[in-house]
PDB file of N, CA and C in Angstrom:
ATOM      1  N   MET A   1     -15.181  -4.073  14.861  1.00  0.00           N
ATOM      2  CA  MET A   1     -15.161  -4.370  13.432  1.00  0.00           C
ATOM      3  C   MET A   1     -13.918  -5.202  13.132  1.00  0.00           C
ATOM      4  N   LYS A   2     -14.105  -6.349  12.524  1.00  0.00           N
ATOM      5  CA  LYS A   2     -13.006  -7.283  12.257  1.00  0.00           C
ATOM      6  C   LYS A   2     -11.955  -6.682  11.326  1.00  0.00           C
ATOM      7  N   ILE A   3     -12.377  -6.050  10.242  1.00  0.00           N
ATOM      8  CA  ILE A   3     -11.419  -5.517   9.276  1.00  0.00           C
ATOM      9  C   ILE A   3     -10.564  -4.408   9.896  1.00  0.00           C
ATOM     10  N   GLU A   4     -11.152  -3.618  10.774  1.00  0.00           N
ATOM     11  CA  GLU A   4     -10.393  -2.549  11.422  1.00  0.00           C
ATOM     12  C   GLU A   4      -9.247  -3.143  12.240  1.00  0.00           C
ATOM     13  N   LYS A   5      -9.520  -4.171  13.008  1.00  0.00           N
ATOM     14  CA  LYS A   5      -8.477  -4.831  13.799  1.00  0.00           C
ATOM     15  C   LYS A   5      -7.409  -5.440  12.891  1.00  0.00           C
ATOM     16  N   GLU A   6      -7.847  -6.013  11.784  1.00  0.00           N
ATOM     17  CA  GLU A   6      -6.922  -6.625  10.835  1.00  0.00           C
ATOM     18  C   GLU A   6      -6.005  -5.567  10.198  1.00  0.00           C
ATOM     19  N   VAL A   7      -6.576  -4.442   9.827  1.00  0.00           N
ATOM     20  CA  VAL A   7      -5.800  -3.358   9.215  1.00  0.00           C
ATOM     21  C   VAL A   7      -4.807  -2.778  10.210  1.00  0.00           C
ATOM     22  N   VAL A   8      -5.260  -2.496  11.415  1.00  0.00           N
ATOM     23  CA  VAL A   8      -4.388  -1.954  12.449  1.00  0.00           C
ATOM     24  C   VAL A   8      -3.240  -2.917  12.725  1.00  0.00           C
ATOM     25  N   SER A   9      -3.553  -4.190  12.835  1.00  0.00           N
ATOM     26  CA  SER A   9      -2.527  -5.209  13.081  1.00  0.00           C
ATOM     27  C   SER A   9      -1.539  -5.281  11.914  1.00  0.00           C
ATOM     28  N   PHE A  10      -2.072  -5.275  10.687  1.00  0.00           N
ATOM     29  CA  PHE A  10      -1.199  -5.328   9.513  1.00  0.00           C
ATOM     30  C   PHE A  10      -0.246  -4.140   9.485  1.00  0.00           C
ATOM     31  N   LEU A  11      -0.776  -2.924   9.674  1.00  0.00           N
ATOM     32  CA  LEU A  11       0.065  -1.728   9.609  1.00  0.00           C
ATOM     33  C   LEU A  11       1.147  -1.741  10.682  1.00  0.00           C
ATOM     34  N   LYS A  12       0.793  -2.151  11.877  1.00  0.00           N
ATOM     35  CA  LYS A  12       1.767  -2.227  12.966  1.00  0.00           C
ATOM     36  C   LYS A  12       2.885  -3.208  12.609  1.00  0.00           C
ATOM     37  N   ASP A  13       2.507  -4.412  12.197  1.00  0.00           N
ATOM     38  CA  ASP A  13       3.498  -5.431  11.825  1.00  0.00           C
ATOM     39  C   ASP A  13       4.324  -4.999  10.622  1.00  0.00           C
ATOM     40  N   PHE A  14       3.646  -4.455   9.621  1.00  0.00           N
ATOM     41  CA  PHE A  14       4.331  -4.041   8.401  1.00  0.00           C
ATOM     42  C   PHE A  14       5.375  -2.967   8.678  1.00  0.00           C
ATOM     43  N   LYS A  15       5.012  -1.966   9.456  1.00  0.00           N
ATOM     44  CA  LYS A  15       5.940  -0.868   9.746  1.00  0.00           C
ATOM     45  C   LYS A  15       7.148  -1.362  10.548  1.00  0.00           C
ATOM     46  N   GLU A  16       6.926  -2.291  11.465  1.00  0.00           N
ATOM     47  CA  GLU A  16       8.044  -2.855  12.233  1.00  0.00           C
ATOM     48  C   GLU A  16       8.960  -3.672  11.327  1.00  0.00           C
ATOM     49  N   LYS A  17       8.381  -4.492  10.476  1.00  0.00           N
ATOM     50  CA  LYS A  17       9.176  -5.318   9.556  1.00  0.00           C
ATOM     51  C   LYS A  17       9.910  -4.456   8.542  1.00  0.00           C
ATOM     52  N   MET A  18       9.284  -3.365   8.106  1.00  0.00           N
ATOM     53  CA  MET A  18       9.907  -2.479   7.128  1.00  0.00           C
ATOM     54  C   MET A  18      11.179  -1.858   7.699  1.00  0.00           C
ATOM     55  N   LYS A  19      11.191  -1.594   9.012  1.00  0.00           N
ATOM     56  CA  LYS A  19      12.385  -1.042   9.654  1.00  0.00           C
ATOM     57  C   LYS A  19      13.558  -2.018   9.586  1.00  0.00           C
ATOM     58  N   ILE A  20      13.266  -3.289   9.653  1.00  0.00           N
ATOM     59  CA  ILE A  20      14.308  -4.313   9.673  1.00  0.00           C
ATOM     60  C   ILE A  20      14.661  -4.803   8.268  1.00  0.00           C
ATOM     61  N   TRP A  21      13.642  -5.147   7.489  1.00  0.00           N
ATOM     62  CA  TRP A  21      13.842  -5.802   6.196  1.00  0.00           C
ATOM     63  C   TRP A  21      13.715  -4.878   4.997  1.00  0.00           C
ATOM     64  N   ASN A  22      13.318  -3.622   5.239  1.00  0.00           N
ATOM     65  CA  ASN A  22      13.042  -2.680   4.166  1.00  0.00           C
ATOM     66  C   ASN A  22      11.757  -3.102   3.459  1.00  0.00           C
ATOM     67  N   VAL A  23      11.586  -2.725   2.209  1.00  0.00           N
ATOM     68  CA  VAL A  23      10.357  -3.045   1.484  1.00  0.00           C
ATOM     69  C   VAL A  23      10.701  -3.235   0.009  1.00  0.00           C
ATOM     70  N   TYR A  24       9.986  -4.122  -0.643  1.00  0.00           N
ATOM     71  CA  TYR A  24      10.201  -4.438  -2.056  1.00  0.00           C
ATOM     72  C   TYR A  24       9.081  -3.800  -2.876  1.00  0.00           C
ATOM     73  N   PHE A  25       9.460  -3.068  -3.919  1.00  0.00           N
ATOM     74  CA  PHE A  25       8.485  -2.447  -4.817  1.00  0.00           C
ATOM     75  C   PHE A  25       8.568  -3.104  -6.178  1.00  0.00           C
ATOM     76  N   ARG A  26       7.421  -3.423  -6.743  1.00  0.00           N
ATOM     77  CA  ARG A  26       7.358  -3.973  -8.095  1.00  0.00           C
ATOM     78  C   ARG A  26       7.370  -2.814  -9.071  1.00  0.00           C
ATOM     79  N   ASP A  27       8.501  -2.610  -9.699  1.00  0.00           N
ATOM     80  CA  ASP A  27       8.638  -1.515 -10.665  1.00  0.00           C
ATOM     81  C   ASP A  27       8.478  -1.995 -12.103  1.00  0.00           C
ATOM     82  N   ASP A  28       7.955  -3.186 -12.270  1.00  0.00           N
ATOM     83  CA  ASP A  28       7.802  -3.746 -13.611  1.00  0.00           C
ATOM     84  C   ASP A  28       6.383  -3.605 -14.160  1.00  0.00           C
ATOM     85  N   ARG A  29       5.529  -2.895 -13.459  1.00  0.00           N
ATOM     86  CA  ARG A  29       4.154  -2.702 -13.915  1.00  0.00           C
ATOM     87  C   ARG A  29       3.971  -1.265 -14.389  1.00  0.00           C
ATOM     88  N   SER A  30       3.500  -1.100 -15.616  1.00  0.00           N
ATOM     89  CA  SER A  30       3.374   0.243 -16.184  1.00  0.00           C
ATOM     90  C   SER A  30       2.390   1.112 -15.404  1.00  0.00           C
ATOM     91  N   LYS A  31       1.304   0.517 -14.868  1.00  0.00           N
ATOM     92  CA  LYS A  31       0.335   1.350 -14.144  1.00  0.00           C
ATOM     93  C   LYS A  31       0.958   1.944 -12.889  1.00  0.00           C
ATOM     94  N   ASN A  32       1.886   1.234 -12.269  1.00  0.00           N
ATOM     95  CA  ASN A  32       2.555   1.758 -11.086  1.00  0.00           C
ATOM     96  C   ASN A  32       3.526   2.876 -11.465  1.00  0.00           C
ATOM     97  N   LEU A  33       4.280   2.674 -12.514  1.00  0.00           N
ATOM     98  CA  LEU A  33       5.225   3.695 -12.968  1.00  0.00           C
ATOM     99  C   LEU A  33       4.499   4.949 -13.453  1.00  0.00           C
ATOM    100  N   ASN A  34       3.399   4.765 -14.166  1.00  0.00           N
ATOM    101  CA  ASN A  34       2.611   5.914 -14.633  1.00  0.00           C
ATOM    102  C   ASN A  34       2.049   6.708 -13.459  1.00  0.00           C
ATOM    103  N   ALA A  35       1.630   6.023 -12.420  1.00  0.00           N
ATOM    104  CA  ALA A  35       1.116   6.716 -11.233  1.00  0.00           C
ATOM    105  C   ALA A  35       2.218   7.521 -10.567  1.00  0.00           C
ATOM    106  N   MET A  36       3.398   6.962 -10.490  1.00  0.00           N
ATOM    107  CA  MET A  36       4.520   7.671  -9.876  1.00  0.00           C
ATOM    108  C   MET A  36       4.799   8.971 -10.640  1.00  0.00           C
ATOM    109  N   LEU A  37       4.756   8.889 -11.959  1.00  0.00           N
ATOM    110  CA  LEU A  37       4.981  10.088 -12.775  1.00  0.00           C
ATOM    111  C   LEU A  37       3.856  11.109 -12.585  1.00  0.00           C
ATOM    112  N   ALA A  38       2.620  10.633 -12.607  1.00  0.00           N
ATOM    113  CA  ALA A  38       1.468  11.529 -12.474  1.00  0.00           C
ATOM    114  C   ALA A  38       1.449  12.218 -11.102  1.00  0.00           C
ATOM    115  N   LEU A  39       1.878  11.506 -10.080  1.00  0.00           N
ATOM    116  CA  LEU A  39       1.884  12.052  -8.725  1.00  0.00           C
ATOM    117  C   LEU A  39       3.174  12.795  -8.388  1.00  0.00           C
ATOM    118  N   GLU A  40       4.101  12.793  -9.351  1.00  0.00           N
ATOM    119  CA  GLU A  40       5.421  13.395  -9.142  1.00  0.00           C
ATOM    120  C   GLU A  40       6.064  12.858  -7.870  1.00  0.00           C
ATOM    121  N   LEU A  41       5.982  11.542  -7.722  1.00  0.00           N
ATOM    122  CA  LEU A  41       6.494  10.860  -6.546  1.00  0.00           C
ATOM    123  C   LEU A  41       7.733  10.067  -6.944  1.00  0.00           C
ATOM    124  N   ARG A  42       8.844  10.423  -6.336  1.00  0.00           N
ATOM    125  CA  ARG A  42      10.078   9.697  -6.620  1.00  0.00           C
ATOM    126  C   ARG A  42      10.053   8.353  -5.911  1.00  0.00           C
ATOM    127  N   SER A  43      10.732   7.387  -6.479  1.00  0.00           N
ATOM    128  CA  SER A  43      10.741   6.038  -5.909  1.00  0.00           C
ATOM    129  C   SER A  43      11.135   6.030  -4.445  1.00  0.00           C
ATOM    130  N   ILE A  44      12.106   6.823  -4.100  1.00  0.00           N
ATOM    131  CA  ILE A  44      12.594   6.857  -2.723  1.00  0.00           C
ATOM    132  C   ILE A  44      11.538   7.382  -1.752  1.00  0.00           C
ATOM    133  N   GLU A  45      10.569   8.159  -2.244  1.00  0.00           N
ATOM    134  CA  GLU A  45       9.532   8.743  -1.398  1.00  0.00           C
ATOM    135  C   GLU A  45       8.415   7.756  -1.044  1.00  0.00           C
ATOM    136  N   ARG A  46       8.342   6.656  -1.750  1.00  0.00           N
ATOM    137  CA  ARG A  46       7.286   5.676  -1.477  1.00  0.00           C
ATOM    138  C   ARG A  46       7.368   5.138  -0.051  1.00  0.00           C
ATOM    139  N   LYS A  47       8.572   4.902   0.413  1.00  0.00           N
ATOM    140  CA  LYS A  47       8.728   4.381   1.771  1.00  0.00           C
ATOM    141  C   LYS A  47       8.206   5.393   2.791  1.00  0.00           C
ATOM    142  N   ASN A  48       8.445   6.674   2.557  1.00  0.00           N
ATOM    143  CA  ASN A  48       7.918   7.710   3.449  1.00  0.00           C
ATOM    144  C   ASN A  48       6.390   7.673   3.490  1.00  0.00           C
ATOM    145  N   VAL A  49       5.777   7.452   2.342  1.00  0.00           N
ATOM    146  CA  VAL A  49       4.321   7.360   2.279  1.00  0.00           C
ATOM    147  C   VAL A  49       3.847   6.172   3.111  1.00  0.00           C
ATOM    148  N   LEU A  50       4.508   5.045   2.958  1.00  0.00           N
ATOM    149  CA  LEU A  50       4.122   3.849   3.706  1.00  0.00           C
ATOM    150  C   LEU A  50       4.251   4.050   5.211  1.00  0.00           C
ATOM    151  N   GLU A  51       5.279   4.763   5.618  1.00  0.00           N
ATOM    152  CA  GLU A  51       5.503   4.992   7.052  1.00  0.00           C
ATOM    153  C   GLU A  51       4.410   5.851   7.683  1.00  0.00           C
ATOM    154  N   THR A  52       3.715   6.642   6.873  1.00  0.00           N
ATOM    155  CA  THR A  52       2.685   7.533   7.416  1.00  0.00           C
ATOM    156  C   THR A  52       1.270   6.966   7.299  1.00  0.00           C
ATOM    157  N   LEU A  53       1.116   5.794   6.712  1.00  0.00           N
ATOM    158  CA  LEU A  53      -0.222   5.227   6.551  1.00  0.00           C
ATOM    159  C   LEU A  53      -0.887   4.953   7.896  1.00  0.00           C
ATOM    160  N   GLU A  54      -2.183   5.228   7.944  1.00  0.00           N
ATOM    161  CA  GLU A  54      -3.002   4.967   9.126  1.00  0.00           C
ATOM    162  C   GLU A  54      -4.209   4.137   8.695  1.00  0.00           C
ATOM    163  N   LYS A  55      -4.938   3.622   9.651  1.00  0.00           N
ATOM    164  CA  LYS A  55      -6.084   2.764   9.315  1.00  0.00           C
ATOM    165  C   LYS A  55      -7.110   3.486   8.446  1.00  0.00           C
ATOM    166  N   GLU A  56      -7.231   4.799   8.595  1.00  0.00           N
ATOM    167  CA  GLU A  56      -8.197   5.569   7.807  1.00  0.00           C
ATOM    168  C   GLU A  56      -7.852   5.596   6.325  1.00  0.00           C
ATOM    169  N   ASP A  57      -6.612   5.268   5.968  1.00  0.00           N
ATOM    170  CA  ASP A  57      -6.187   5.239   4.567  1.00  0.00           C
ATOM    171  C   ASP A  57      -6.575   3.941   3.876  1.00  0.00           C
ATOM    172  N   TYR A  58      -7.053   2.982   4.634  1.00  0.00           N
ATOM    173  CA  TYR A  58      -7.436   1.680   4.083  1.00  0.00           C
ATOM    174  C   TYR A  58      -8.600   1.820   3.120  1.00  0.00           C
ATOM    175  N   SER A  59      -8.457   1.187   1.959  1.00  0.00           N
ATOM    176  CA  SER A  59      -9.510   1.195   0.961  1.00  0.00           C
ATOM    177  C   SER A  59     -10.069  -0.217   0.750  1.00  0.00           C
ATOM    178  N   SER A  60      -9.177  -1.168   0.487  1.00  0.00           N
ATOM    179  CA  SER A  60      -9.598  -2.558   0.274  1.00  0.00           C
ATOM    180  C   SER A  60      -8.394  -3.467   0.399  1.00  0.00           C
ATOM    181  N   GLY A  61      -8.665  -4.726   0.443  1.00  0.00           N
ATOM    182  CA  GLY A  61      -7.583  -5.697   0.492  1.00  0.00           C
ATOM    183  C   GLY A  61      -7.747  -6.611   1.685  1.00  0.00           C
ATOM    184  N   PRO A  62      -6.902  -7.569   1.790  1.00  0.00           N
ATOM    185  CA  PRO A  62      -5.757  -7.835   0.915  1.00  0.00           C
ATOM    186  C   PRO A  62      -6.184  -8.441  -0.422  1.00  0.00           C
ATOM    187  N   ILE A  63      -5.281  -8.344  -1.398  1.00  0.00           N
ATOM    188  CA  ILE A  63      -5.511  -8.855  -2.748  1.00  0.00           C
ATOM    189  C   ILE A  63      -4.456  -9.914  -3.047  1.00  0.00           C
ATOM    190  N   GLU A  64      -4.868 -11.005  -3.641  1.00  0.00           N
ATOM    191  CA  GLU A  64      -3.941 -12.076  -4.001  1.00  0.00           C
ATOM    192  C   GLU A  64      -3.254 -11.729  -5.324  1.00  0.00           C
ATOM    193  N   ASP A  65      -1.918 -11.709  -5.312  1.00  0.00           N
ATOM    194  CA  ASP A  65      -1.118 -11.448  -6.513  1.00  0.00           C
ATOM    195  C   ASP A  65      -0.493 -12.763  -6.954  1.00  0.00           C
ATOM    196  N   LYS A  66      -0.569 -13.064  -8.244  1.00  0.00           N
ATOM    197  CA  LYS A  66      -0.065 -14.341  -8.757  1.00  0.00           C
ATOM    198  C   LYS A  66       1.436 -14.523  -8.564  1.00  0.00           C
ATOM    199  N   LEU A  67       2.200 -13.430  -8.630  1.00  0.00           N
ATOM    200  CA  LEU A  67       3.648 -13.532  -8.533  1.00  0.00           C
ATOM    201  C   LEU A  67       4.183 -13.386  -7.110  1.00  0.00           C
ATOM    202  N   ILE A  68       3.538 -12.546  -6.314  1.00  0.00           N
ATOM    203  CA  ILE A  68       4.082 -12.218  -4.998  1.00  0.00           C
ATOM    204  C   ILE A  68       3.329 -12.887  -3.859  1.00  0.00           C
ATOM    205  N   GLY A  69       2.046 -13.025  -3.995  1.00  0.00           N
ATOM    206  CA  GLY A  69       1.214 -13.524  -2.902  1.00  0.00           C
ATOM    207  C   GLY A  69       0.215 -12.465  -2.510  1.00  0.00           C
ATOM    208  N   VAL A  70       0.098 -12.213  -1.233  1.00  0.00           N
ATOM    209  CA  VAL A  70      -0.882 -11.258  -0.731  1.00  0.00           C
ATOM    210  C   VAL A  70      -0.326  -9.830  -0.787  1.00  0.00           C
ATOM    211  N   ILE A  71      -1.135  -8.918  -1.328  1.00  0.00           N
ATOM    212  CA  ILE A  71      -0.756  -7.504  -1.418  1.00  0.00           C
ATOM    213  C   ILE A  71      -1.806  -6.674  -0.691  1.00  0.00           C
ATOM    214  N   TRP A  72      -1.330  -5.768   0.154  1.00  0.00           N
ATOM    215  CA  TRP A  72      -2.219  -4.841   0.853  1.00  0.00           C
ATOM    216  C   TRP A  72      -2.093  -3.432   0.288  1.00  0.00           C
ATOM    217  N   ILE A  73      -0.933  -3.092  -0.229  1.00  0.00           N
ATOM    218  CA  ILE A  73      -0.646  -1.702  -0.605  1.00  0.00           C
ATOM    219  C   ILE A  73      -0.132  -1.679  -2.030  1.00  0.00           C
ATOM    220  N   SER A  74      -0.659  -0.742  -2.828  1.00  0.00           N
ATOM    221  CA  SER A  74      -0.209  -0.606  -4.203  1.00  0.00           C
ATOM    222  C   SER A  74      -0.178   0.875  -4.580  1.00  0.00           C
ATOM    223  N   PHE A  75       0.811   1.247  -5.375  1.00  0.00           N
ATOM    224  CA  PHE A  75       0.927   2.630  -5.844  1.00  0.00           C
ATOM    225  C   PHE A  75       0.473   2.697  -7.293  1.00  0.00           C
ATOM    226  N   HIS A  76      -0.777   3.101  -7.508  1.00  0.00           N
ATOM    227  CA  HIS A  76      -1.281   3.351  -8.858  1.00  0.00           C
ATOM    228  C   HIS A  76      -2.515   4.227  -8.755  1.00  0.00           C
ATOM    229  N   LEU A  77      -2.878   4.840  -9.858  1.00  0.00           N
ATOM    230  CA  LEU A  77      -4.077   5.682  -9.880  1.00  0.00           C
ATOM    231  C   LEU A  77      -5.319   4.810  -9.703  1.00  0.00           C
ATOM    232  N   ALA A  78      -6.336   5.367  -9.116  1.00  0.00           N
ATOM    233  CA  ALA A  78      -7.566   4.619  -8.854  1.00  0.00           C
ATOM    234  C   ALA A  78      -8.169   4.111 -10.152  1.00  0.00           C
ATOM    235  N   GLU A  79      -8.574   2.856 -10.138  1.00  0.00           N
ATOM    236  CA  GLU A  79      -9.209   2.241 -11.302  1.00  0.00           C
ATOM    237  C   GLU A  79     -10.726   2.203 -11.150  1.00  0.00           C
ATOM    238  N   HIS A  80     -11.206   2.627  -9.996  1.00  0.00           N
ATOM    239  CA  HIS A  80     -12.629   2.683  -9.701  1.00  0.00           C
ATOM    240  C   HIS A  80     -12.826   3.685  -8.562  1.00  0.00           C
ATOM    241  N   LYS A  81     -14.057   3.987  -8.253  1.00  0.00           N
ATOM    242  CA  LYS A  81     -14.340   4.908  -7.158  1.00  0.00           C
ATOM    243  C   LYS A  81     -13.796   4.315  -5.850  1.00  0.00           C
ATOM    244  N   MET A  82     -13.074   5.153  -5.104  1.00  0.00           N
ATOM    245  CA  MET A  82     -12.454   4.687  -3.874  1.00  0.00           C
ATOM    246  C   MET A  82     -13.445   4.735  -2.718  1.00  0.00           C
ATOM    247  N   ASN A  83     -13.367   3.750  -1.865  1.00  0.00           N
ATOM    248  CA  ASN A  83     -14.181   3.664  -0.670  1.00  0.00           C
ATOM    249  C   ASN A  83     -13.228   3.522   0.521  1.00  0.00           C
ATOM    250  N   TYR A  84     -13.451   4.303   1.559  1.00  0.00           N
ATOM    251  CA  TYR A  84     -12.601   4.266   2.753  1.00  0.00           C
ATOM    252  C   TYR A  84     -13.483   3.878   3.945  1.00  0.00           C
ATOM    253  N   PRO A  85     -13.698   2.609   4.176  1.00  0.00           N
ATOM    254  CA  PRO A  85     -14.647   2.162   5.198  1.00  0.00           C
ATOM    255  C   PRO A  85     -14.246   2.491   6.633  1.00  0.00           C
ATOM    256  N   LEU A  86     -13.004   2.849   6.891  1.00  0.00           N
ATOM    257  CA  LEU A  86     -12.569   3.119   8.253  1.00  0.00           C
ATOM    258  C   LEU A  86     -12.443   4.605   8.557  1.00  0.00           C
ATOM    259  N   LYS A  87     -12.917   5.449   7.641  1.00  0.00           N
ATOM    260  CA  LYS A  87     -12.897   6.906   7.889  1.00  0.00           C
ATOM    261  C   LYS A  87     -14.143   7.314   8.609  1.00  0.00           C
TER     262      LYS A  87
END
């Protein structure tokens, strides 16, 4: 499955790069901040969540963002029914 290979490759590369460059979070979007409050997730804990992601956690993406470019991971409450094609 092409998407499975793409997701596995992305997660591997992302986790390695995160160790070196850290990670940037967009804290200027209300839906992201509201999700953090609803999930009782502190900002510092987001990186821990990212470090534990596996291919089975994949829902969709990548998504093109007008300000940043390509986004694979976002912290917000589901806006539609979630589908996990790699589970």
